[in-house]
Amino acid sequence: MIVTFTANPSLDRTVALPGPLERGEVQRAVSVSQESGGKGVNVSRALVASGLESIAVLPGADSDPVLAGLRDIGVPFVSLPIDEPLRTNVALTEPGGVTTKINEPGPLLDAGQQESLIKLLLESSRGARWVVLAGSLPPGFPADFYATVSGRIRAAGDGRAPHIAVDSSGPPLAAAMSGDGSGKPDLLKPNAEELAELAAAAGFATATADELEADPGAAAAAAAAVVRSGVGAVLATLGSKGAVLVTADGAWLATHPPVAAVSTVGAGDSALAGYLLAHSQGAAPADCLRQAVAHGAAAASLPGSTVPAVHQTTPDAVTITALRKD
């Protein structure tokens, strides 16, 4: 069982344009689609699509379109009822996969609702193999929320706590890395921009996000600095350049042949789902990375925020290269 936690879920609307986005002009959409989303929700969707047991924990009224969408596609969830509607995010996709996203802030949850969400997650996580803490935080949440939740999950587990993965950005991601030992995750999944920020916070003089994407060796060195801070592993997605996985025992680069990109929305979430899928099947770290990149590539070739099932991925096409960590 893999439990995902999405504090700020969304209804993801994708508008496909016939050509490049033209600011200030009227453009007609080729198609419009919408799906229940948010990073953790997307991970659960991808895992369930591949036949793995997963449950999504999130806030939302029973009648909210996000929860209705999960019911429609058969993704199990538990929710904390709230009065405000969940947010709607809009993605504008151009031919070739260039994507512009407009994300709403989400509903305001008070301290009592935040505590109720944590308790709901703790109850749902008993016996889980992984807990995924993913996405942005709604207004009013403290930046160290994920670090606090990680510590409470481990305390409640009494030595049998699940593995914890964090996929976020900005202060919540940095706080997850810099918390005390009980709050540090077993896996962080940054993109290149987030990896650059994390490495700098870990005291590693690193390159820019563009340079990390272009140089997997530099990306591995940056990720290794994060691992030395006490994080179990770093899975850094580098867009079309593939992904790097760094653990205390090694570092690897995975690349996939170019795909015809349709939409990059949710590709990173699918990559995390692919990693967790392989890990749950007992795969070695390099093979977990292989499935992560296969999932991410498959997601980029699908429209909107569609997530792939494992049979739509091509792990045999992925090339794995061992890297130095420093």
Protein backbone atom coordinates (compact mmCIF):
# COMPACT_ATOMS: atom_id res chain seq x y z
CA MET A 1 0.00 0.00 0.00
CA ILE A 2 1.24 3.48 -0.90
CA VAL A 3 -0.49 6.45 0.73
CA THR A 4 -0.30 9.86 -0.90
CA PHE A 5 -1.02 13.11 0.88
CA THR A 6 -2.06 16.19 -1.09
CA ALA A 7 -2.79 19.19 1.11
CA ASN A 8 -3.61 21.42 -1.87
CA PRO A 9 -5.37 19.27 -4.50
CA SER A 10 -6.84 20.75 -7.64
CA LEU A 11 -9.08 20.29 -10.61
CA ASP A 12 -6.57 20.40 -13.45
CA ARG A 13 -7.89 21.89 -16.69
CA THR A 14 -5.68 21.55 -19.75
CA VAL A 15 -6.25 23.77 -22.76
CA ALA A 16 -4.46 22.60 -25.92
CA LEU A 17 -3.54 25.39 -28.33
CA PRO A 18 -3.04 24.93 -32.09
CA GLY A 19 0.16 26.97 -32.07
CA PRO A 20 2.45 28.97 -29.78
CA LEU A 21 0.84 30.99 -27.00
CA GLU A 22 0.36 34.58 -28.14
CA ARG A 23 0.07 37.01 -25.24
CA GLY A 24 -2.71 39.56 -25.59
CA GLU A 25 -4.32 37.76 -28.53
CA VAL A 26 -7.48 35.69 -28.91
CA GLN A 27 -6.70 32.02 -29.56
CA ARG A 28 -9.08 29.13 -30.02
CA ALA A 29 -8.41 25.89 -28.19
CA VAL A 30 -8.01 22.61 -30.02
CA SER A 31 -9.29 20.69 -27.00
CA VAL A 32 -10.02 21.09 -23.30
CA SER A 33 -9.80 18.35 -20.68
CA GLN A 34 -9.95 18.20 -16.90
CA GLU A 35 -8.87 15.69 -14.30
CA SER A 36 -8.51 15.46 -10.54
CA GLY A 37 -4.98 16.53 -9.72
CA GLY A 38 -2.35 17.74 -7.34
CA LYS A 39 1.00 15.97 -7.07
CA GLY A 40 -0.01 13.28 -4.59
CA VAL A 41 -3.30 12.67 -6.37
CA ASN A 42 -1.42 12.21 -9.64
CA VAL A 43 0.92 9.68 -8.03
CA SER A 44 -2.05 7.68 -6.71
CA ARG A 45 -3.73 7.82 -10.12
CA ALA A 46 -0.61 6.45 -11.81
CA LEU A 47 -0.12 3.70 -9.23
CA VAL A 48 -3.74 2.55 -9.38
CA ALA A 49 -3.59 2.59 -13.19
CA SER A 50 -0.67 0.16 -12.92
CA GLY A 51 -2.49 -2.16 -10.53
CA LEU A 52 -0.76 -1.11 -7.30
CA GLU A 53 -2.81 -0.43 -4.19
CA SER A 54 -2.80 3.26 -3.27
CA ILE A 55 -5.01 5.64 -1.35
CA ALA A 56 -5.06 9.44 -1.60
CA VAL A 57 -5.51 11.58 1.51
CA LEU A 58 -6.75 15.12 0.85
CA PRO A 59 -9.16 17.83 1.96
CA GLY A 60 -12.40 18.49 0.11
CA ALA A 61 -16.18 18.45 0.33
CA ASP A 62 -17.80 15.19 -0.72
CA SER A 63 -19.45 16.96 -3.67
CA ASP A 64 -16.27 18.70 -4.84
CA PRO A 65 -15.40 17.98 -8.50
CA VAL A 66 -11.92 16.77 -7.48
CA LEU A 67 -13.34 14.04 -5.25
CA ALA A 68 -16.07 13.23 -7.77
CA GLY A 69 -13.38 12.76 -10.41
CA LEU A 70 -11.48 10.31 -8.21
CA ARG A 71 -14.64 8.30 -7.64
CA ASP A 72 -15.28 8.20 -11.37
CA ILE A 73 -11.89 6.66 -12.14
CA GLY A 74 -11.82 4.33 -9.15
CA VAL A 75 -8.97 5.87 -7.17
CA PRO A 76 -9.50 5.20 -3.43
CA PHE A 77 -9.33 8.26 -1.17
CA VAL A 78 -10.13 9.57 2.27
CA SER A 79 -10.95 13.24 2.68
CA LEU A 80 -11.37 15.89 5.35
CA PRO A 81 -14.62 17.75 4.65
CA ILE A 82 -14.16 21.50 4.20
CA ASP A 83 -16.58 24.27 3.23
CA GLU A 84 -14.48 25.99 0.57
CA PRO A 85 -14.13 24.58 -2.95
CA LEU A 86 -10.77 23.18 -3.98
CA ARG A 87 -8.72 25.16 -6.46
CA THR A 88 -8.68 24.92 -10.24
CA ASN A 89 -5.34 24.97 -12.09
CA VAL A 90 -5.10 25.74 -15.80
CA ALA A 91 -2.37 24.47 -18.13
CA LEU A 92 -1.95 25.88 -21.65
CA THR A 93 -0.13 23.41 -23.88
CA GLU A 94 1.47 24.25 -27.21
CA PRO A 95 2.45 21.83 -29.97
CA GLY A 96 5.71 20.18 -28.94
CA GLY A 97 4.74 20.04 -25.29
CA VAL A 98 5.60 23.58 -24.13
CA THR A 99 3.31 24.16 -21.14
CA THR A 100 2.26 27.31 -19.31
CA LYS A 101 0.59 26.72 -15.95
CA ILE A 102 -1.61 29.03 -13.90
CA ASN A 103 -2.11 27.66 -10.40
CA GLU A 104 -4.62 29.04 -7.90
CA PRO A 105 -3.54 29.37 -4.24
CA GLY A 106 -6.13 26.98 -2.80
CA PRO A 107 -8.51 27.25 0.17
CA LEU A 108 -7.45 28.60 3.56
CA LEU A 109 -7.36 25.87 6.22
CA ASP A 110 -7.10 26.89 9.87
CA ALA A 111 -4.87 25.26 12.50
CA GLY A 112 -7.64 22.90 13.59
CA GLN A 113 -8.22 21.68 10.04
CA GLN A 114 -4.49 21.22 9.54
CA GLU A 115 -4.32 19.05 12.65
CA SER A 116 -7.34 17.05 11.49
CA LEU A 117 -5.62 16.42 8.15
CA ILE A 118 -2.52 15.16 9.93
CA LYS A 119 -4.57 12.79 12.09
CA LEU A 120 -6.40 11.51 9.00
CA LEU A 121 -3.05 10.82 7.35
CA LEU A 122 -1.67 9.06 10.42
CA GLU A 123 -4.72 6.79 10.55
CA SER A 124 -4.51 6.04 6.83
CA SER A 125 -0.76 5.32 6.93
CA ARG A 126 -0.84 2.38 9.33
CA GLY A 127 0.79 -0.56 7.58
CA ALA A 128 1.69 1.45 4.46
CA ARG A 129 4.94 0.78 2.61
CA TRP A 130 5.38 4.41 1.50
CA VAL A 131 3.80 7.75 2.35
CA VAL A 132 4.17 10.44 -0.31
CA LEU A 133 3.90 14.07 0.86
CA ALA A 134 3.47 16.04 -2.32
CA GLY A 135 2.66 19.40 -3.80
CA SER A 136 2.36 22.97 -2.63
CA LEU A 137 0.81 23.91 0.70
CA PRO A 138 -2.43 25.90 0.97
CA PRO A 139 -2.39 29.41 2.43
CA GLY A 140 -1.73 29.50 6.16
CA PHE A 141 0.28 26.27 6.38
CA PRO A 142 3.72 26.55 8.03
CA ALA A 143 6.69 25.98 5.76
CA ASP A 144 7.92 23.10 7.93
CA PHE A 145 4.61 21.23 7.65
CA TYR A 146 6.06 18.27 5.74
CA ALA A 147 9.00 17.96 8.14
CA THR A 148 6.59 17.99 11.08
CA VAL A 149 4.31 15.41 9.48
CA SER A 150 7.28 13.16 8.65
CA GLY A 151 8.35 13.19 12.27
CA ARG A 152 4.86 12.37 13.49
CA ILE A 153 4.50 9.50 11.01
CA ARG A 154 7.73 7.98 12.29
CA ALA A 155 6.76 8.50 15.92
CA ALA A 156 3.39 6.85 15.32
CA GLY A 157 5.05 3.95 13.52
CA ASP A 158 6.93 2.88 16.65
CA GLY A 159 9.84 1.52 14.65
CA ARG A 160 7.65 0.22 11.81
CA ALA A 161 6.97 3.49 10.05
CA PRO A 162 6.60 3.60 6.26
CA HIS A 163 9.20 5.10 3.96
CA ILE A 164 8.53 8.79 3.33
CA ALA A 165 8.91 10.60 -0.01
CA VAL A 166 8.56 14.37 -0.41
CA ASP A 167 7.88 16.10 -3.73
CA SER A 168 7.36 19.82 -3.26
CA SER A 169 9.13 23.11 -3.95
CA GLY A 170 10.36 26.27 -2.28
CA PRO A 171 10.35 26.59 1.53
CA PRO A 172 8.35 23.36 2.21
CA LEU A 173 10.91 21.32 0.26
CA ALA A 174 13.88 23.06 1.88
CA ALA A 175 12.38 22.56 5.34
CA ALA A 176 11.86 18.84 4.65
CA MET A 177 15.59 18.53 3.96
CA SER A 178 16.78 20.69 6.86
CA GLY A 179 14.58 19.26 9.64
CA ASP A 180 15.88 17.03 12.40
CA GLY A 181 16.59 13.35 11.82
CA SER A 182 13.03 12.20 12.51
CA GLY A 183 11.64 14.53 9.85
CA LYS A 184 14.09 13.88 7.04
CA PRO A 185 12.56 11.94 4.13
CA ASP A 186 13.76 8.67 2.66
CA LEU A 187 13.36 10.16 -0.81
CA LEU A 188 13.24 13.67 -2.26
CA LYS A 189 12.08 14.21 -5.84
CA PRO A 190 13.19 17.65 -7.05
CA ASN A 191 13.42 18.93 -10.61
CA ALA A 192 16.58 20.71 -11.74
CA GLU A 193 15.53 24.11 -10.38
CA GLU A 194 14.57 22.64 -7.01
CA LEU A 195 17.76 20.58 -6.87
CA ALA A 196 19.85 23.73 -7.35
CA GLU A 197 18.03 25.37 -4.43
CA LEU A 198 18.39 22.29 -2.22
CA ALA A 199 22.09 21.92 -2.94
CA ALA A 200 22.69 25.58 -2.12
CA ALA A 201 20.81 25.13 1.16
CA ALA A 202 23.05 22.13 1.90
CA GLY A 203 26.12 24.35 1.51
CA PHE A 204 27.12 23.06 -1.93
CA ALA A 205 28.23 25.70 -4.45
CA THR A 206 26.35 24.45 -7.46
CA ALA A 207 25.36 25.46 -10.95
CA THR A 208 22.10 26.86 -12.29
CA ALA A 209 19.11 24.68 -13.11
CA ASP A 210 19.95 24.85 -16.84
CA GLU A 211 23.52 23.77 -16.15
CA LEU A 212 22.37 20.88 -13.97
CA GLU A 213 20.08 19.66 -16.75
CA ALA A 214 22.94 19.85 -19.22
CA ASP A 215 25.50 18.16 -16.96
CA PRO A 216 24.30 15.00 -15.18
CA GLY A 217 27.60 14.78 -13.32
CA ALA A 218 26.94 18.17 -11.74
CA ALA A 219 23.38 17.10 -10.96
CA ALA A 220 24.68 13.97 -9.24
CA ALA A 221 27.17 16.00 -7.19
CA ALA A 222 24.42 18.41 -6.15
CA ALA A 223 22.13 15.53 -5.18
CA ALA A 224 24.96 13.89 -3.25
CA ALA A 225 25.28 17.05 -1.13
CA VAL A 226 21.60 16.73 -0.27
CA VAL A 227 22.02 13.04 0.62
CA ARG A 228 24.94 13.93 2.91
CA SER A 229 22.58 16.21 4.82
CA GLY A 230 20.71 13.12 6.00
CA VAL A 231 18.14 12.50 3.24
CA GLY A 232 17.93 8.86 2.18
CA ALA A 233 17.97 9.37 -1.59
CA VAL A 234 17.38 12.02 -4.25
CA LEU A 235 15.54 11.33 -7.49
CA ALA A 236 16.16 14.44 -9.60
CA THR A 237 14.15 14.71 -12.81
CA LEU A 238 15.93 16.65 -15.57
CA GLY A 239 13.19 17.03 -18.16
CA SER A 240 14.03 15.57 -21.54
CA LYS A 241 17.56 14.83 -20.27
CA GLY A 242 16.25 12.01 -18.07
CA ALA A 243 16.81 11.71 -14.33
CA VAL A 244 19.53 11.16 -11.75
CA LEU A 245 19.23 8.97 -8.65
CA VAL A 246 21.71 9.37 -5.81
CA THR A 247 21.80 7.26 -2.64
CA ALA A 248 24.47 6.74 -0.01
CA ASP A 249 25.71 3.78 -2.08
CA GLY A 250 25.78 5.12 -5.62
CA ALA A 251 24.62 7.48 -8.35
CA TRP A 252 23.01 6.74 -11.70
CA LEU A 253 21.75 8.58 -14.75
CA ALA A 254 18.80 7.28 -16.77
CA THR A 255 17.92 8.54 -20.24
CA HIS A 256 15.10 7.67 -22.61
CA PRO A 257 15.04 8.13 -26.40
CA PRO A 258 13.21 11.33 -27.41
CA VAL A 259 9.41 11.12 -27.39
CA ALA A 260 6.89 13.30 -29.18
CA ALA A 261 5.97 15.50 -26.22
CA VAL A 262 2.29 16.44 -25.97
CA SER A 263 2.06 17.74 -22.40
CA THR A 264 4.57 17.80 -19.56
CA VAL A 265 1.87 18.25 -16.90
CA GLY A 266 2.26 15.48 -14.33
CA ALA A 267 5.36 13.95 -15.91
CA GLY A 268 7.38 14.38 -12.72
CA ASP A 269 4.55 12.89 -10.65
CA SER A 270 4.44 9.91 -12.99
CA ALA A 271 8.21 9.51 -12.64
CA LEU A 272 7.84 9.31 -8.88
CA ALA A 273 5.04 6.78 -9.30
CA GLY A 274 7.26 4.66 -11.55
CA TYR A 275 10.04 4.68 -8.96
CA LEU A 276 7.65 3.65 -6.18
CA LEU A 277 6.10 0.96 -8.35
CA ALA A 278 9.51 -0.63 -9.00
CA HIS A 279 10.63 -0.22 -5.39
CA SER A 280 7.47 -1.95 -4.17
CA GLN A 281 8.37 -4.89 -6.39
CA GLY A 282 11.83 -5.17 -4.81
CA ALA A 283 13.79 -3.64 -7.70
CA ALA A 284 17.36 -2.42 -7.23
CA PRO A 285 17.90 1.37 -7.13
CA ALA A 286 19.05 1.59 -10.77
CA ASP A 287 15.97 -0.30 -11.92
CA CYS A 288 13.71 1.93 -9.81
CA LEU A 289 15.28 4.84 -11.68
CA ARG A 290 14.74 3.04 -14.97
CA GLN A 291 11.00 2.72 -14.35
CA ALA A 292 10.81 6.32 -13.13
CA VAL A 293 12.18 7.64 -16.41
CA ALA A 294 10.02 5.26 -18.43
CA HIS A 295 6.93 6.54 -16.60
CA GLY A 296 7.94 10.18 -17.02
CA ALA A 297 8.58 9.80 -20.74
CA ALA A 298 5.25 8.03 -21.23
CA ALA A 299 3.41 10.80 -19.36
CA ALA A 300 4.97 13.50 -21.54
CA SER A 301 3.64 11.73 -24.64
CA LEU A 302 0.05 11.77 -23.34
CA PRO A 303 -2.41 14.70 -23.47
CA GLY A 304 -3.28 16.94 -20.54
CA SER A 305 -2.49 15.51 -17.12
CA THR A 306 -3.11 11.92 -18.24
CA VAL A 307 -0.94 9.45 -16.31
CA PRO A 308 0.38 6.24 -17.91
CA ALA A 309 -0.18 2.68 -16.79
CA VAL A 310 2.91 0.49 -16.60
CA HIS A 311 2.02 -1.29 -19.86
CA GLN A 312 2.28 2.07 -21.66
CA THR A 313 5.88 2.56 -20.55
CA THR A 314 9.07 1.34 -22.21
CA PRO A 315 11.67 0.64 -19.50
CA ASP A 316 13.72 -1.49 -21.91
CA ALA A 317 14.39 1.69 -23.91
CA VAL A 318 15.99 3.40 -20.90
CA THR A 319 19.79 3.57 -20.68
CA ILE A 320 21.37 3.50 -17.21
CA THR A 321 24.83 4.98 -16.61
CA ALA A 322 26.71 4.86 -13.30
CA LEU A 323 27.98 8.27 -12.18
CA ARG A 324 30.43 9.63 -9.65
CA LYS A 325 28.79 11.30 -6.67
CA ASP A 326 31.49 13.96 -6.23
